[in-house]
Amino acid sequence: MKETIKAIRTYLEEEFPESEGFTVERAAEISKQPMFKEKGNRHRIMNSRGEVIHLMGPTDEFMEDTPQEQIYKTLKKWDVAGAMRNAGNKPVLVMTTGLEIRDDWYKKP
């Protein structure tokens, strides 16, 4: 699981670099939502003022069903960062079937 989360973080840090004023952070409080068993999967992107501007989280099913070596490639292929930019501060859910922009984390997939 650690390597999978590392692949996600690497992707997000490349797409939202610190040199451009972004901070990638694991969002533990989001992980407490009932649709996610594993903590630490949810990530948020913050700007230089500390404001949360983007949210994303892979479902447990995505994390379990996608081979570890394919996580980064899948995020890139699906342009998760582009979806996050389009979604603004709405969460982007990464599922085995693709991406979904949510109004919040509470809606079940």
PDB file of N, CA and C in Angstrom:
ATOM      1  N   MET A   1       0.818  -1.197   0.000  1.00  0.00           N
ATOM      2  CA  MET A   1       0.000   0.000   0.000  1.00  0.00           C
ATOM      3  C   MET A   1       0.863   1.263   0.000  1.00  0.00           C
ATOM      4  N   LYS A   2       1.993   1.227   0.718  1.00  0.00           N
ATOM      5  CA  LYS A   2       2.857   2.402   0.777  1.00  0.00           C
ATOM      6  C   LYS A   2       3.354   2.818  -0.597  1.00  0.00           C
ATOM      7  N   GLU A   3       3.734   1.844  -1.414  1.00  0.00           N
ATOM      8  CA  GLU A   3       4.234   2.157  -2.753  1.00  0.00           C
ATOM      9  C   GLU A   3       3.132   2.727  -3.641  1.00  0.00           C
ATOM     10  N   THR A   4       1.923   2.264  -3.445  1.00  0.00           N
ATOM     11  CA  THR A   4       0.791   2.779  -4.208  1.00  0.00           C
ATOM     12  C   THR A   4       0.535   4.240  -3.852  1.00  0.00           C
ATOM     13  N   ILE A   5       0.533   4.544  -2.564  1.00  0.00           N
ATOM     14  CA  ILE A   5       0.330   5.927  -2.116  1.00  0.00           C
ATOM     15  C   ILE A   5       1.492   6.801  -2.595  1.00  0.00           C
ATOM     16  N   LYS A   6       2.697   6.245  -2.584  1.00  0.00           N
ATOM     17  CA  LYS A   6       3.870   6.981  -3.077  1.00  0.00           C
ATOM     18  C   LYS A   6       3.710   7.325  -4.555  1.00  0.00           C
ATOM     19  N   ALA A   7       3.178   6.396  -5.346  1.00  0.00           N
ATOM     20  CA  ALA A   7       2.961   6.648  -6.782  1.00  0.00           C
ATOM     21  C   ALA A   7       1.948   7.770  -6.983  1.00  0.00           C
ATOM     22  N   ILE A   8       0.912   7.781  -6.171  1.00  0.00           N
ATOM     23  CA  ILE A   8      -0.097   8.842  -6.258  1.00  0.00           C
ATOM     24  C   ILE A   8       0.527  10.178  -5.904  1.00  0.00           C
ATOM     25  N   ARG A   9       1.268  10.205  -4.824  1.00  0.00           N
ATOM     26  CA  ARG A   9       1.905  11.448  -4.377  1.00  0.00           C
ATOM     27  C   ARG A   9       2.902  11.962  -5.422  1.00  0.00           C
ATOM     28  N   THR A  10       3.682  11.060  -6.001  1.00  0.00           N
ATOM     29  CA  THR A  10       4.641  11.454  -7.034  1.00  0.00           C
ATOM     30  C   THR A  10       3.915  12.117  -8.196  1.00  0.00           C
ATOM     31  N   TYR A  11       2.833  11.499  -8.642  1.00  0.00           N
ATOM     32  CA  TYR A  11       2.052  12.070  -9.746  1.00  0.00           C
ATOM     33  C   TYR A  11       1.561  13.468  -9.382  1.00  0.00           C
ATOM     34  N   LEU A  12       0.965  13.604  -8.199  1.00  0.00           N
ATOM     35  CA  LEU A  12       0.409  14.899  -7.797  1.00  0.00           C
ATOM     36  C   LEU A  12       1.492  15.965  -7.625  1.00  0.00           C
ATOM     37  N   GLU A  13       2.633  15.577  -7.091  1.00  0.00           N
ATOM     38  CA  GLU A  13       3.719  16.549  -6.909  1.00  0.00           C
ATOM     39  C   GLU A  13       4.302  16.993  -8.243  1.00  0.00           C
ATOM     40  N   GLU A  14       4.274  16.136  -9.233  1.00  0.00           N
ATOM     41  CA  GLU A  14       4.718  16.535 -10.576  1.00  0.00           C
ATOM     42  C   GLU A  14       3.719  17.502 -11.212  1.00  0.00           C
ATOM     43  N   GLU A  15       2.449  17.237 -11.017  1.00  0.00           N
ATOM     44  CA  GLU A  15       1.404  18.063 -11.625  1.00  0.00           C
ATOM     45  C   GLU A  15       1.171  19.384 -10.882  1.00  0.00           C
ATOM     46  N   PHE A  16       1.427  19.374  -9.584  1.00  0.00           N
ATOM     47  CA  PHE A  16       1.231  20.555  -8.739  1.00  0.00           C
ATOM     48  C   PHE A  16       2.518  20.799  -7.952  1.00  0.00           C
ATOM     49  N   PRO A  17       3.560  21.308  -8.648  1.00  0.00           N
ATOM     50  CA  PRO A  17       4.881  21.417  -8.019  1.00  0.00           C
ATOM     51  C   PRO A  17       4.964  22.490  -6.933  1.00  0.00           C
ATOM     52  N   GLU A  18       5.770  22.170  -5.940  1.00  0.00           N
ATOM     53  CA  GLU A  18       6.011  23.111  -4.844  1.00  0.00           C
ATOM     54  C   GLU A  18       6.637  24.394  -5.371  1.00  0.00           C
ATOM     55  N   SER A  19       7.453  24.296  -6.410  1.00  0.00           N
ATOM     56  CA  SER A  19       8.108  25.477  -6.987  1.00  0.00           C
ATOM     57  C   SER A  19       7.101  26.481  -7.547  1.00  0.00           C
ATOM     58  N   GLU A  20       5.878  26.014  -7.805  1.00  0.00           N
ATOM     59  CA  GLU A  20       4.822  26.908  -8.293  1.00  0.00           C
ATOM     60  C   GLU A  20       3.848  27.291  -7.186  1.00  0.00           C
ATOM     61  N   GLY A  21       4.232  27.010  -5.944  1.00  0.00           N
ATOM     62  CA  GLY A  21       3.434  27.439  -4.807  1.00  0.00           C
ATOM     63  C   GLY A  21       2.403  26.438  -4.312  1.00  0.00           C
ATOM     64  N   PHE A  22       2.466  25.205  -4.793  1.00  0.00           N
ATOM     65  CA  PHE A  22       1.502  24.186  -4.378  1.00  0.00           C
ATOM     66  C   PHE A  22       2.084  23.304  -3.272  1.00  0.00           C
ATOM     67  N   THR A  23       1.209  22.783  -2.441  1.00  0.00           N
ATOM     68  CA  THR A  23       1.574  21.796  -1.443  1.00  0.00           C
ATOM     69  C   THR A  23       0.635  20.615  -1.600  1.00  0.00           C
ATOM     70  N   VAL A  24       1.198  19.425  -1.707  1.00  0.00           N
ATOM     71  CA  VAL A  24       0.413  18.196  -1.769  1.00  0.00           C
ATOM     72  C   VAL A  24       0.403  17.613  -0.366  1.00  0.00           C
ATOM     73  N   GLU A  25      -0.780  17.302   0.117  1.00  0.00           N
ATOM     74  CA  GLU A  25      -0.905  16.819   1.491  1.00  0.00           C
ATOM     75  C   GLU A  25      -1.894  15.671   1.554  1.00  0.00           C
ATOM     76  N   ARG A  26      -1.545  14.666   2.326  1.00  0.00           N
ATOM     77  CA  ARG A  26      -2.512  13.601   2.595  1.00  0.00           C
ATOM     78  C   ARG A  26      -3.556  14.177   3.526  1.00  0.00           C
ATOM     79  N   ALA A  27      -4.785  13.952   3.206  1.00  0.00           N
ATOM     80  CA  ALA A  27      -5.880  14.554   3.963  1.00  0.00           C
ATOM     81  C   ALA A  27      -6.529  13.515   4.863  1.00  0.00           C
ATOM     82  N   ALA A  28      -5.982  13.328   6.039  1.00  0.00           N
ATOM     83  CA  ALA A  28      -6.450  12.286   6.961  1.00  0.00           C
ATOM     84  C   ALA A  28      -7.911  12.461   7.349  1.00  0.00           C
ATOM     85  N   GLU A  29      -8.348  13.695   7.510  1.00  0.00           N
ATOM     86  CA  GLU A  29      -9.737  13.888   7.925  1.00  0.00           C
ATOM     87  C   GLU A  29     -10.729  13.430   6.861  1.00  0.00           C
ATOM     88  N   ILE A  30     -10.336  13.489   5.612  1.00  0.00           N
ATOM     89  CA  ILE A  30     -11.198  13.010   4.537  1.00  0.00           C
ATOM     90  C   ILE A  30     -11.268  11.484   4.579  1.00  0.00           C
ATOM     91  N   SER A  31     -10.190  10.840   5.012  1.00  0.00           N
ATOM     92  CA  SER A  31     -10.127   9.379   5.041  1.00  0.00           C
ATOM     93  C   SER A  31     -11.103   8.750   6.021  1.00  0.00           C
ATOM     94  N   LYS A  32     -11.715   9.532   6.864  1.00  0.00           N
ATOM     95  CA  LYS A  32     -12.647   8.992   7.848  1.00  0.00           C
ATOM     96  C   LYS A  32     -14.031   8.729   7.253  1.00  0.00           C
ATOM     97  N   GLN A  33     -14.214   9.047   5.989  1.00  0.00           N
ATOM     98  CA  GLN A  33     -15.509   8.853   5.358  1.00  0.00           C
ATOM     99  C   GLN A  33     -15.764   7.358   5.149  1.00  0.00           C
ATOM    100  N   PRO A  34     -17.010   6.919   5.264  1.00  0.00           N
ATOM    101  CA  PRO A  34     -17.318   5.489   5.243  1.00  0.00           C
ATOM    102  C   PRO A  34     -16.991   4.759   3.949  1.00  0.00           C
ATOM    103  N   MET A  35     -16.868   5.452   2.827  1.00  0.00           N
ATOM    104  CA  MET A  35     -16.603   4.750   1.566  1.00  0.00           C
ATOM    105  C   MET A  35     -15.147   4.328   1.435  1.00  0.00           C
ATOM    106  N   PHE A  36     -14.293   4.798   2.332  1.00  0.00           N
ATOM    107  CA  PHE A  36     -12.878   4.492   2.255  1.00  0.00           C
ATOM    108  C   PHE A  36     -12.438   3.738   3.500  1.00  0.00           C
ATOM    109  N   LYS A  37     -11.911   2.535   3.323  1.00  0.00           N
ATOM    110  CA  LYS A  37     -11.392   1.764   4.457  1.00  0.00           C
ATOM    111  C   LYS A  37      -9.973   2.204   4.800  1.00  0.00           C
ATOM    112  N   GLU A  38      -9.176   2.412   3.783  1.00  0.00           N
ATOM    113  CA  GLU A  38      -7.768   2.741   3.999  1.00  0.00           C
ATOM    114  C   GLU A  38      -7.594   4.225   4.266  1.00  0.00           C
ATOM    115  N   LYS A  39      -6.828   4.536   5.312  1.00  0.00           N
ATOM    116  CA  LYS A  39      -6.531   5.941   5.603  1.00  0.00           C
ATOM    117  C   LYS A  39      -5.321   6.368   4.785  1.00  0.00           C
ATOM    118  N   GLY A  40      -5.267   7.628   4.448  1.00  0.00           N
ATOM    119  CA  GLY A  40      -4.109   8.159   3.745  1.00  0.00           C
ATOM    120  C   GLY A  40      -4.225   8.149   2.242  1.00  0.00           C
ATOM    121  N   ASN A  41      -5.334   7.678   1.705  1.00  0.00           N
ATOM    122  CA  ASN A  41      -5.497   7.661   0.257  1.00  0.00           C
ATOM    123  C   ASN A  41      -5.915   9.019  -0.286  1.00  0.00           C
ATOM    124  N   ARG A  42      -6.642   9.781   0.482  1.00  0.00           N
ATOM    125  CA  ARG A  42      -7.135  11.065   0.027  1.00  0.00           C
ATOM    126  C   ARG A  42      -6.022  12.101   0.063  1.00  0.00           C
ATOM    127  N   HIS A  43      -6.004  12.951  -0.946  1.00  0.00           N
ATOM    128  CA  HIS A  43      -4.988  14.000  -1.026  1.00  0.00           C
ATOM    129  C   HIS A  43      -5.656  15.336  -1.306  1.00  0.00           C
ATOM    130  N   ARG A  44      -5.018  16.381  -0.824  1.00  0.00           N
ATOM    131  CA  ARG A  44      -5.500  17.721  -1.143  1.00  0.00           C
ATOM    132  C   ARG A  44      -4.320  18.551  -1.620  1.00  0.00           C
ATOM    133  N   ILE A  45      -4.634  19.487  -2.480  1.00  0.00           N
ATOM    134  CA  ILE A  45      -3.641  20.407  -3.012  1.00  0.00           C
ATOM    135  C   ILE A  45      -3.956  21.771  -2.407  1.00  0.00           C
ATOM    136  N   MET A  46      -2.928  22.378  -1.834  1.00  0.00           N
ATOM    137  CA  MET A  46      -3.105  23.687  -1.216  1.00  0.00           C
ATOM    138  C   MET A  46      -2.250  24.705  -1.963  1.00  0.00           C
ATOM    139  N   ASN A  47      -2.737  25.956  -1.982  1.00  0.00           N
ATOM    140  CA  ASN A  47      -1.952  27.011  -2.614  1.00  0.00           C
ATOM    141  C   ASN A  47      -1.010  27.635  -1.583  1.00  0.00           C
ATOM    142  N   SER A  48      -0.278  28.648  -2.005  1.00  0.00           N
ATOM    143  CA  SER A  48       0.728  29.261  -1.130  1.00  0.00           C
ATOM    144  C   SER A  48       0.120  29.960   0.082  1.00  0.00           C
ATOM    145  N   ARG A  49      -1.180  30.224   0.047  1.00  0.00           N
ATOM    146  CA  ARG A  49      -1.860  30.849   1.199  1.00  0.00           C
ATOM    147  C   ARG A  49      -2.446  29.799   2.143  1.00  0.00           C
ATOM    148  N   GLY A  50      -2.219  28.525   1.844  1.00  0.00           N
ATOM    149  CA  GLY A  50      -2.715  27.456   2.699  1.00  0.00           C
ATOM    150  C   GLY A  50      -4.172  27.098   2.457  1.00  0.00           C
ATOM    151  N   GLU A  51      -4.733  27.590   1.358  1.00  0.00           N
ATOM    152  CA  GLU A  51      -6.131  27.293   1.022  1.00  0.00           C
ATOM    153  C   GLU A  51      -6.196  25.990   0.226  1.00  0.00           C
ATOM    154  N   VAL A  52      -7.152  25.139   0.563  1.00  0.00           N
ATOM    155  CA  VAL A  52      -7.349  23.900  -0.195  1.00  0.00           C
ATOM    156  C   VAL A  52      -8.012  24.270  -1.517  1.00  0.00           C
ATOM    157  N   ILE A  53      -7.357  23.912  -2.616  1.00  0.00           N
ATOM    158  CA  ILE A  53      -7.909  24.272  -3.920  1.00  0.00           C
ATOM    159  C   ILE A  53      -8.338  23.061  -4.741  1.00  0.00           C
ATOM    160  N   HIS A  54      -7.781  21.878  -4.451  1.00  0.00           N
ATOM    161  CA  HIS A  54      -8.155  20.662  -5.175  1.00  0.00           C
ATOM    162  C   HIS A  54      -8.145  19.474  -4.224  1.00  0.00           C
ATOM    163  N   LEU A  55      -9.044  18.512  -4.486  1.00  0.00           N
ATOM    164  CA  LEU A  55      -9.138  17.289  -3.692  1.00  0.00           C
ATOM    165  C   LEU A  55      -9.213  16.082  -4.618  1.00  0.00           C
ATOM    166  N   MET A  56      -8.590  14.993  -4.225  1.00  0.00           N
ATOM    167  CA  MET A  56      -8.723  13.747  -4.988  1.00  0.00           C
ATOM    168  C   MET A  56      -8.570  12.567  -4.052  1.00  0.00           C
ATOM    169  N   GLY A  57      -9.228  11.478  -4.445  1.00  0.00           N
ATOM    170  CA  GLY A  57      -9.094  10.259  -3.660  1.00  0.00           C
ATOM    171  C   GLY A  57      -9.421   9.040  -4.493  1.00  0.00           C
ATOM    172  N   PRO A  58      -8.530   8.063  -4.473  1.00  0.00           N
ATOM    173  CA  PRO A  58      -8.834   6.795  -5.128  1.00  0.00           C
ATOM    174  C   PRO A  58      -9.679   5.929  -4.202  1.00  0.00           C
ATOM    175  N   THR A  59     -10.627   5.217  -4.749  1.00  0.00           N
ATOM    176  CA  THR A  59     -11.407   4.294  -3.923  1.00  0.00           C
ATOM    177  C   THR A  59     -10.522   3.111  -3.538  1.00  0.00           C
ATOM    178  N   ASP A  60     -10.936   2.417  -2.501  1.00  0.00           N
ATOM    179  CA  ASP A  60     -10.207   1.221  -2.099  1.00  0.00           C
ATOM    180  C   ASP A  60     -10.189   0.206  -3.233  1.00  0.00           C
ATOM    181  N   GLU A  61     -11.299   0.106  -3.970  1.00  0.00           N
ATOM    182  CA  GLU A  61     -11.381  -0.826  -5.086  1.00  0.00           C
ATOM    183  C   GLU A  61     -10.315  -0.505  -6.140  1.00  0.00           C
ATOM    184  N   PHE A  62     -10.152   0.783  -6.467  1.00  0.00           N
ATOM    185  CA  PHE A  62      -9.115   1.188  -7.421  1.00  0.00           C
ATOM    186  C   PHE A  62      -7.735   0.797  -6.906  1.00  0.00           C
ATOM    187  N   MET A  63      -7.499   1.062  -5.617  1.00  0.00           N
ATOM    188  CA  MET A  63      -6.195   0.763  -5.021  1.00  0.00           C
ATOM    189  C   MET A  63      -5.909  -0.741  -5.012  1.00  0.00           C
ATOM    190  N   GLU A  64      -6.942  -1.535  -4.789  1.00  0.00           N
ATOM    191  CA  GLU A  64      -6.767  -2.979  -4.711  1.00  0.00           C
ATOM    192  C   GLU A  64      -6.710  -3.639  -6.084  1.00  0.00           C
ATOM    193  N   ASP A  65      -7.493  -3.141  -7.043  1.00  0.00           N
ATOM    194  CA  ASP A  65      -7.613  -3.794  -8.347  1.00  0.00           C
ATOM    195  C   ASP A  65      -6.596  -3.328  -9.387  1.00  0.00           C
ATOM    196  N   THR A  66      -6.006  -2.169  -9.178  1.00  0.00           N
ATOM    197  CA  THR A  66      -5.026  -1.654 -10.136  1.00  0.00           C
ATOM    198  C   THR A  66      -3.641  -2.097  -9.701  1.00  0.00           C
ATOM    199  N   PRO A  67      -2.919  -2.795 -10.562  1.00  0.00           N
ATOM    200  CA  PRO A  67      -1.568  -3.216 -10.180  1.00  0.00           C
ATOM    201  C   PRO A  67      -0.725  -2.006  -9.779  1.00  0.00           C
ATOM    202  N   GLN A  68       0.047  -2.193  -8.755  1.00  0.00           N
ATOM    203  CA  GLN A  68       0.854  -1.107  -8.194  1.00  0.00           C
ATOM    204  C   GLN A  68       1.666  -0.379  -9.258  1.00  0.00           C
ATOM    205  N   GLU A  69       2.261  -1.133 -10.179  1.00  0.00           N
ATOM    206  CA  GLU A  69       3.098  -0.519 -11.204  1.00  0.00           C
ATOM    207  C   GLU A  69       2.286   0.256 -12.245  1.00  0.00           C
ATOM    208  N   GLN A  70       0.955   0.124 -12.216  1.00  0.00           N
ATOM    209  CA  GLN A  70       0.094   0.824 -13.165  1.00  0.00           C
ATOM    210  C   GLN A  70      -0.576   2.066 -12.576  1.00  0.00           C
ATOM    211  N   ILE A  71      -0.459   2.277 -11.280  1.00  0.00           N
ATOM    212  CA  ILE A  71      -1.151   3.403 -10.629  1.00  0.00           C
ATOM    213  C   ILE A  71      -0.752   4.730 -11.273  1.00  0.00           C
ATOM    214  N   TYR A  72       0.541   5.030 -11.307  1.00  0.00           N
ATOM    215  CA  TYR A  72       1.023   6.297 -11.861  1.00  0.00           C
ATOM    216  C   TYR A  72       0.579   6.461 -13.313  1.00  0.00           C
ATOM    217  N   LYS A  73       0.774   5.410 -14.111  1.00  0.00           N
ATOM    218  CA  LYS A  73       0.416   5.464 -15.532  1.00  0.00           C
ATOM    219  C   LYS A  73      -1.083   5.703 -15.723  1.00  0.00           C
ATOM    220  N   THR A  74      -1.890   5.088 -14.883  1.00  0.00           N
ATOM    221  CA  THR A  74      -3.336   5.255 -14.991  1.00  0.00           C
ATOM    222  C   THR A  74      -3.739   6.689 -14.644  1.00  0.00           C
ATOM    223  N   LEU A  75      -3.172   7.245 -13.586  1.00  0.00           N
ATOM    224  CA  LEU A  75      -3.474   8.636 -13.215  1.00  0.00           C
ATOM    225  C   LEU A  75      -3.091   9.576 -14.351  1.00  0.00           C
ATOM    226  N   LYS A  76      -1.953   9.332 -14.955  1.00  0.00           N
ATOM    227  CA  LYS A  76      -1.479  10.156 -16.073  1.00  0.00           C
ATOM    228  C   LYS A  76      -2.406  10.000 -17.287  1.00  0.00           C
ATOM    229  N   LYS A  77      -2.711   8.747 -17.644  1.00  0.00           N
ATOM    230  CA  LYS A  77      -3.564   8.465 -18.805  1.00  0.00           C
ATOM    231  C   LYS A  77      -4.935   9.116 -18.654  1.00  0.00           C
ATOM    232  N   TRP A  78      -5.497   9.042 -17.456  1.00  0.00           N
ATOM    233  CA  TRP A  78      -6.825   9.605 -17.208  1.00  0.00           C
ATOM    234  C   TRP A  78      -6.784  11.112 -16.944  1.00  0.00           C
ATOM    235  N   ASP A  79      -5.603  11.705 -16.920  1.00  0.00           N
ATOM    236  CA  ASP A  79      -5.425  13.136 -16.655  1.00  0.00           C
ATOM    237  C   ASP A  79      -6.186  13.575 -15.396  1.00  0.00           C
ATOM    238  N   VAL A  80      -5.867  12.895 -14.312  1.00  0.00           N
ATOM    239  CA  VAL A  80      -6.512  13.196 -13.031  1.00  0.00           C
ATOM    240  C   VAL A  80      -6.276  14.653 -12.636  1.00  0.00           C
ATOM    241  N   ALA A  81      -5.061  15.159 -12.862  1.00  0.00           N
ATOM    242  CA  ALA A  81      -4.768  16.553 -12.509  1.00  0.00           C
ATOM    243  C   ALA A  81      -5.645  17.520 -13.303  1.00  0.00           C
ATOM    244  N   GLY A  82      -5.867  17.220 -14.567  1.00  0.00           N
ATOM    245  CA  GLY A  82      -6.754  18.061 -15.383  1.00  0.00           C
ATOM    246  C   GLY A  82      -8.170  18.051 -14.846  1.00  0.00           C
ATOM    247  N   ALA A  83      -8.630  16.874 -14.438  1.00  0.00           N
ATOM    248  CA  ALA A  83      -9.974  16.770 -13.849  1.00  0.00           C
ATOM    249  C   ALA A  83     -10.034  17.552 -12.549  1.00  0.00           C
ATOM    250  N   MET A  84      -8.962  17.502 -11.768  1.00  0.00           N
ATOM    251  CA  MET A  84      -8.928  18.258 -10.510  1.00  0.00           C
ATOM    252  C   MET A  84      -8.981  19.754 -10.769  1.00  0.00           C
ATOM    253  N   ARG A  85      -8.246  20.196 -11.765  1.00  0.00           N
ATOM    254  CA  ARG A  85      -8.262  21.629 -12.108  1.00  0.00           C
ATOM    255  C   ARG A  85      -9.673  22.049 -12.558  1.00  0.00           C
ATOM    256  N   ASN A  86     -10.308  21.211 -13.360  1.00  0.00           N
ATOM    257  CA  ASN A  86     -11.667  21.512 -13.830  1.00  0.00           C
ATOM    258  C   ASN A  86     -12.690  21.480 -12.703  1.00  0.00           C
ATOM    259  N   ALA A  87     -12.459  20.610 -11.727  1.00  0.00           N
ATOM    260  CA  ALA A  87     -13.408  20.446 -10.623  1.00  0.00           C
ATOM    261  C   ALA A  87     -13.293  21.552  -9.582  1.00  0.00           C
ATOM    262  N   GLY A  88     -12.201  22.298  -9.607  1.00  0.00           N
ATOM    263  CA  GLY A  88     -12.003  23.322  -8.580  1.00  0.00           C
ATOM    264  C   GLY A  88     -11.799  22.655  -7.232  1.00  0.00           C
ATOM    265  N   ASN A  89     -12.609  23.054  -6.255  1.00  0.00           N
ATOM    266  CA  ASN A  89     -12.434  22.462  -4.923  1.00  0.00           C
ATOM    267  C   ASN A  89     -13.393  21.298  -4.655  1.00  0.00           C
ATOM    268  N   LYS A  90     -14.037  20.801  -5.704  1.00  0.00           N
ATOM    269  CA  LYS A  90     -14.856  19.586  -5.550  1.00  0.00           C
ATOM    270  C   LYS A  90     -13.946  18.371  -5.631  1.00  0.00           C
ATOM    271  N   PRO A  91     -14.220  17.342  -4.844  1.00  0.00           N
ATOM    272  CA  PRO A  91     -13.375  16.152  -4.866  1.00  0.00           C
ATOM    273  C   PRO A  91     -13.497  15.357  -6.168  1.00  0.00           C
ATOM    274  N   VAL A  92     -12.374  14.849  -6.618  1.00  0.00           N
ATOM    275  CA  VAL A  92     -12.331  13.957  -7.771  1.00  0.00           C
ATOM    276  C   VAL A  92     -12.091  12.553  -7.231  1.00  0.00           C
ATOM    277  N   LEU A  93     -13.023  11.681  -7.488  1.00  0.00           N
ATOM    278  CA  LEU A  93     -12.937  10.300  -7.049  1.00  0.00           C
ATOM    279  C   LEU A  93     -12.353   9.464  -8.186  1.00  0.00           C
ATOM    280  N   VAL A  94     -11.320   8.679  -7.877  1.00  0.00           N
ATOM    281  CA  VAL A  94     -10.680   7.813  -8.868  1.00  0.00           C
ATOM    282  C   VAL A  94     -11.169   6.395  -8.598  1.00  0.00           C
ATOM    283  N   MET A  95     -11.902   5.857  -9.569  1.00  0.00           N
ATOM    284  CA  MET A  95     -12.487   4.523  -9.430  1.00  0.00           C
ATOM    285  C   MET A  95     -11.906   3.613 -10.503  1.00  0.00           C
ATOM    286  N   THR A  96     -12.162   2.335 -10.414  1.00  0.00           N
ATOM    287  CA  THR A  96     -11.658   1.407 -11.427  1.00  0.00           C
ATOM    288  C   THR A  96     -12.264   1.696 -12.798  1.00  0.00           C
ATOM    289  N   THR A  97     -13.430   2.310 -12.816  1.00  0.00           N
ATOM    290  CA  THR A  97     -14.122   2.605 -14.072  1.00  0.00           C
ATOM    291  C   THR A  97     -13.806   3.988 -14.620  1.00  0.00           C
ATOM    292  N   GLY A  98     -13.067   4.794 -13.873  1.00  0.00           N
ATOM    293  CA  GLY A  98     -12.736   6.134 -14.330  1.00  0.00           C
ATOM    294  C   GLY A  98     -12.858   7.157 -13.213  1.00  0.00           C
ATOM    295  N   LEU A  99     -13.098   8.396 -13.601  1.00  0.00           N
ATOM    296  CA  LEU A  99     -13.140   9.506 -12.656  1.00  0.00           C
ATOM    297  C   LEU A  99     -14.556  10.015 -12.458  1.00  0.00           C
ATOM    298  N   GLU A 100     -14.806  10.536 -11.283  1.00  0.00           N
ATOM    299  CA  GLU A 100     -16.091  11.158 -11.001  1.00  0.00           C
ATOM    300  C   GLU A 100     -15.853  12.383 -10.130  1.00  0.00           C
ATOM    301  N   ILE A 101     -16.426  13.496 -10.533  1.00  0.00           N
ATOM    302  CA  ILE A 101     -16.355  14.721  -9.738  1.00  0.00           C
ATOM    303  C   ILE A 101     -17.556  14.726  -8.808  1.00  0.00           C
ATOM    304  N   ARG A 102     -17.302  14.943  -7.538  1.00  0.00           N
ATOM    305  CA  ARG A 102     -18.349  14.888  -6.511  1.00  0.00           C
ATOM    306  C   ARG A 102     -18.647  16.266  -5.954  1.00  0.00           C
ATOM    307  N   ASP A 103     -19.836  16.414  -5.411  1.00  0.00           N
ATOM    308  CA  ASP A 103     -20.133  17.636  -4.658  1.00  0.00           C
ATOM    309  C   ASP A 103     -19.462  17.578  -3.294  1.00  0.00           C
ATOM    310  N   ASP A 104     -19.344  16.360  -2.763  1.00  0.00           N
ATOM    311  CA  ASP A 104     -18.652  16.153  -1.497  1.00  0.00           C
ATOM    312  C   ASP A 104     -18.249  14.690  -1.384  1.00  0.00           C
ATOM    313  N   TRP A 105     -17.573  14.317  -0.293  1.00  0.00           N
ATOM    314  CA  TRP A 105     -17.102  12.954  -0.106  1.00  0.00           C
ATOM    315  C   TRP A 105     -18.186  12.022   0.406  1.00  0.00           C
ATOM    316  N   TYR A 106     -19.305  12.567   0.834  1.00  0.00           N
ATOM    317  CA  TYR A 106     -20.306  11.741   1.509  1.00  0.00           C
ATOM    318  C   TYR A 106     -21.163  10.911   0.569  1.00  0.00           C
ATOM    319  N   LYS A 107     -21.303  11.346  -0.675  1.00  0.00           N
ATOM    320  CA  LYS A 107     -22.097  10.597  -1.647  1.00  0.00           C
ATOM    321  C   LYS A 107     -21.387   9.283  -1.958  1.00  0.00           C
ATOM    322  N   LYS A 108     -22.119   8.197  -1.836  1.00  0.00           N
ATOM    323  CA  LYS A 108     -21.512   6.887  -2.096  1.00  0.00           C
ATOM    324  C   LYS A 108     -21.345   6.681  -3.591  1.00  0.00           C
ATOM    325  N   PRO A 109     -20.249   5.973  -3.960  1.00  0.00           N
ATOM    326  CA  PRO A 109     -20.006   5.726  -5.403  1.00  0.00           C
ATOM    327  C   PRO A 109     -21.046   4.804  -6.002  1.00  0.00           C
TER     328      PRO A 109
END
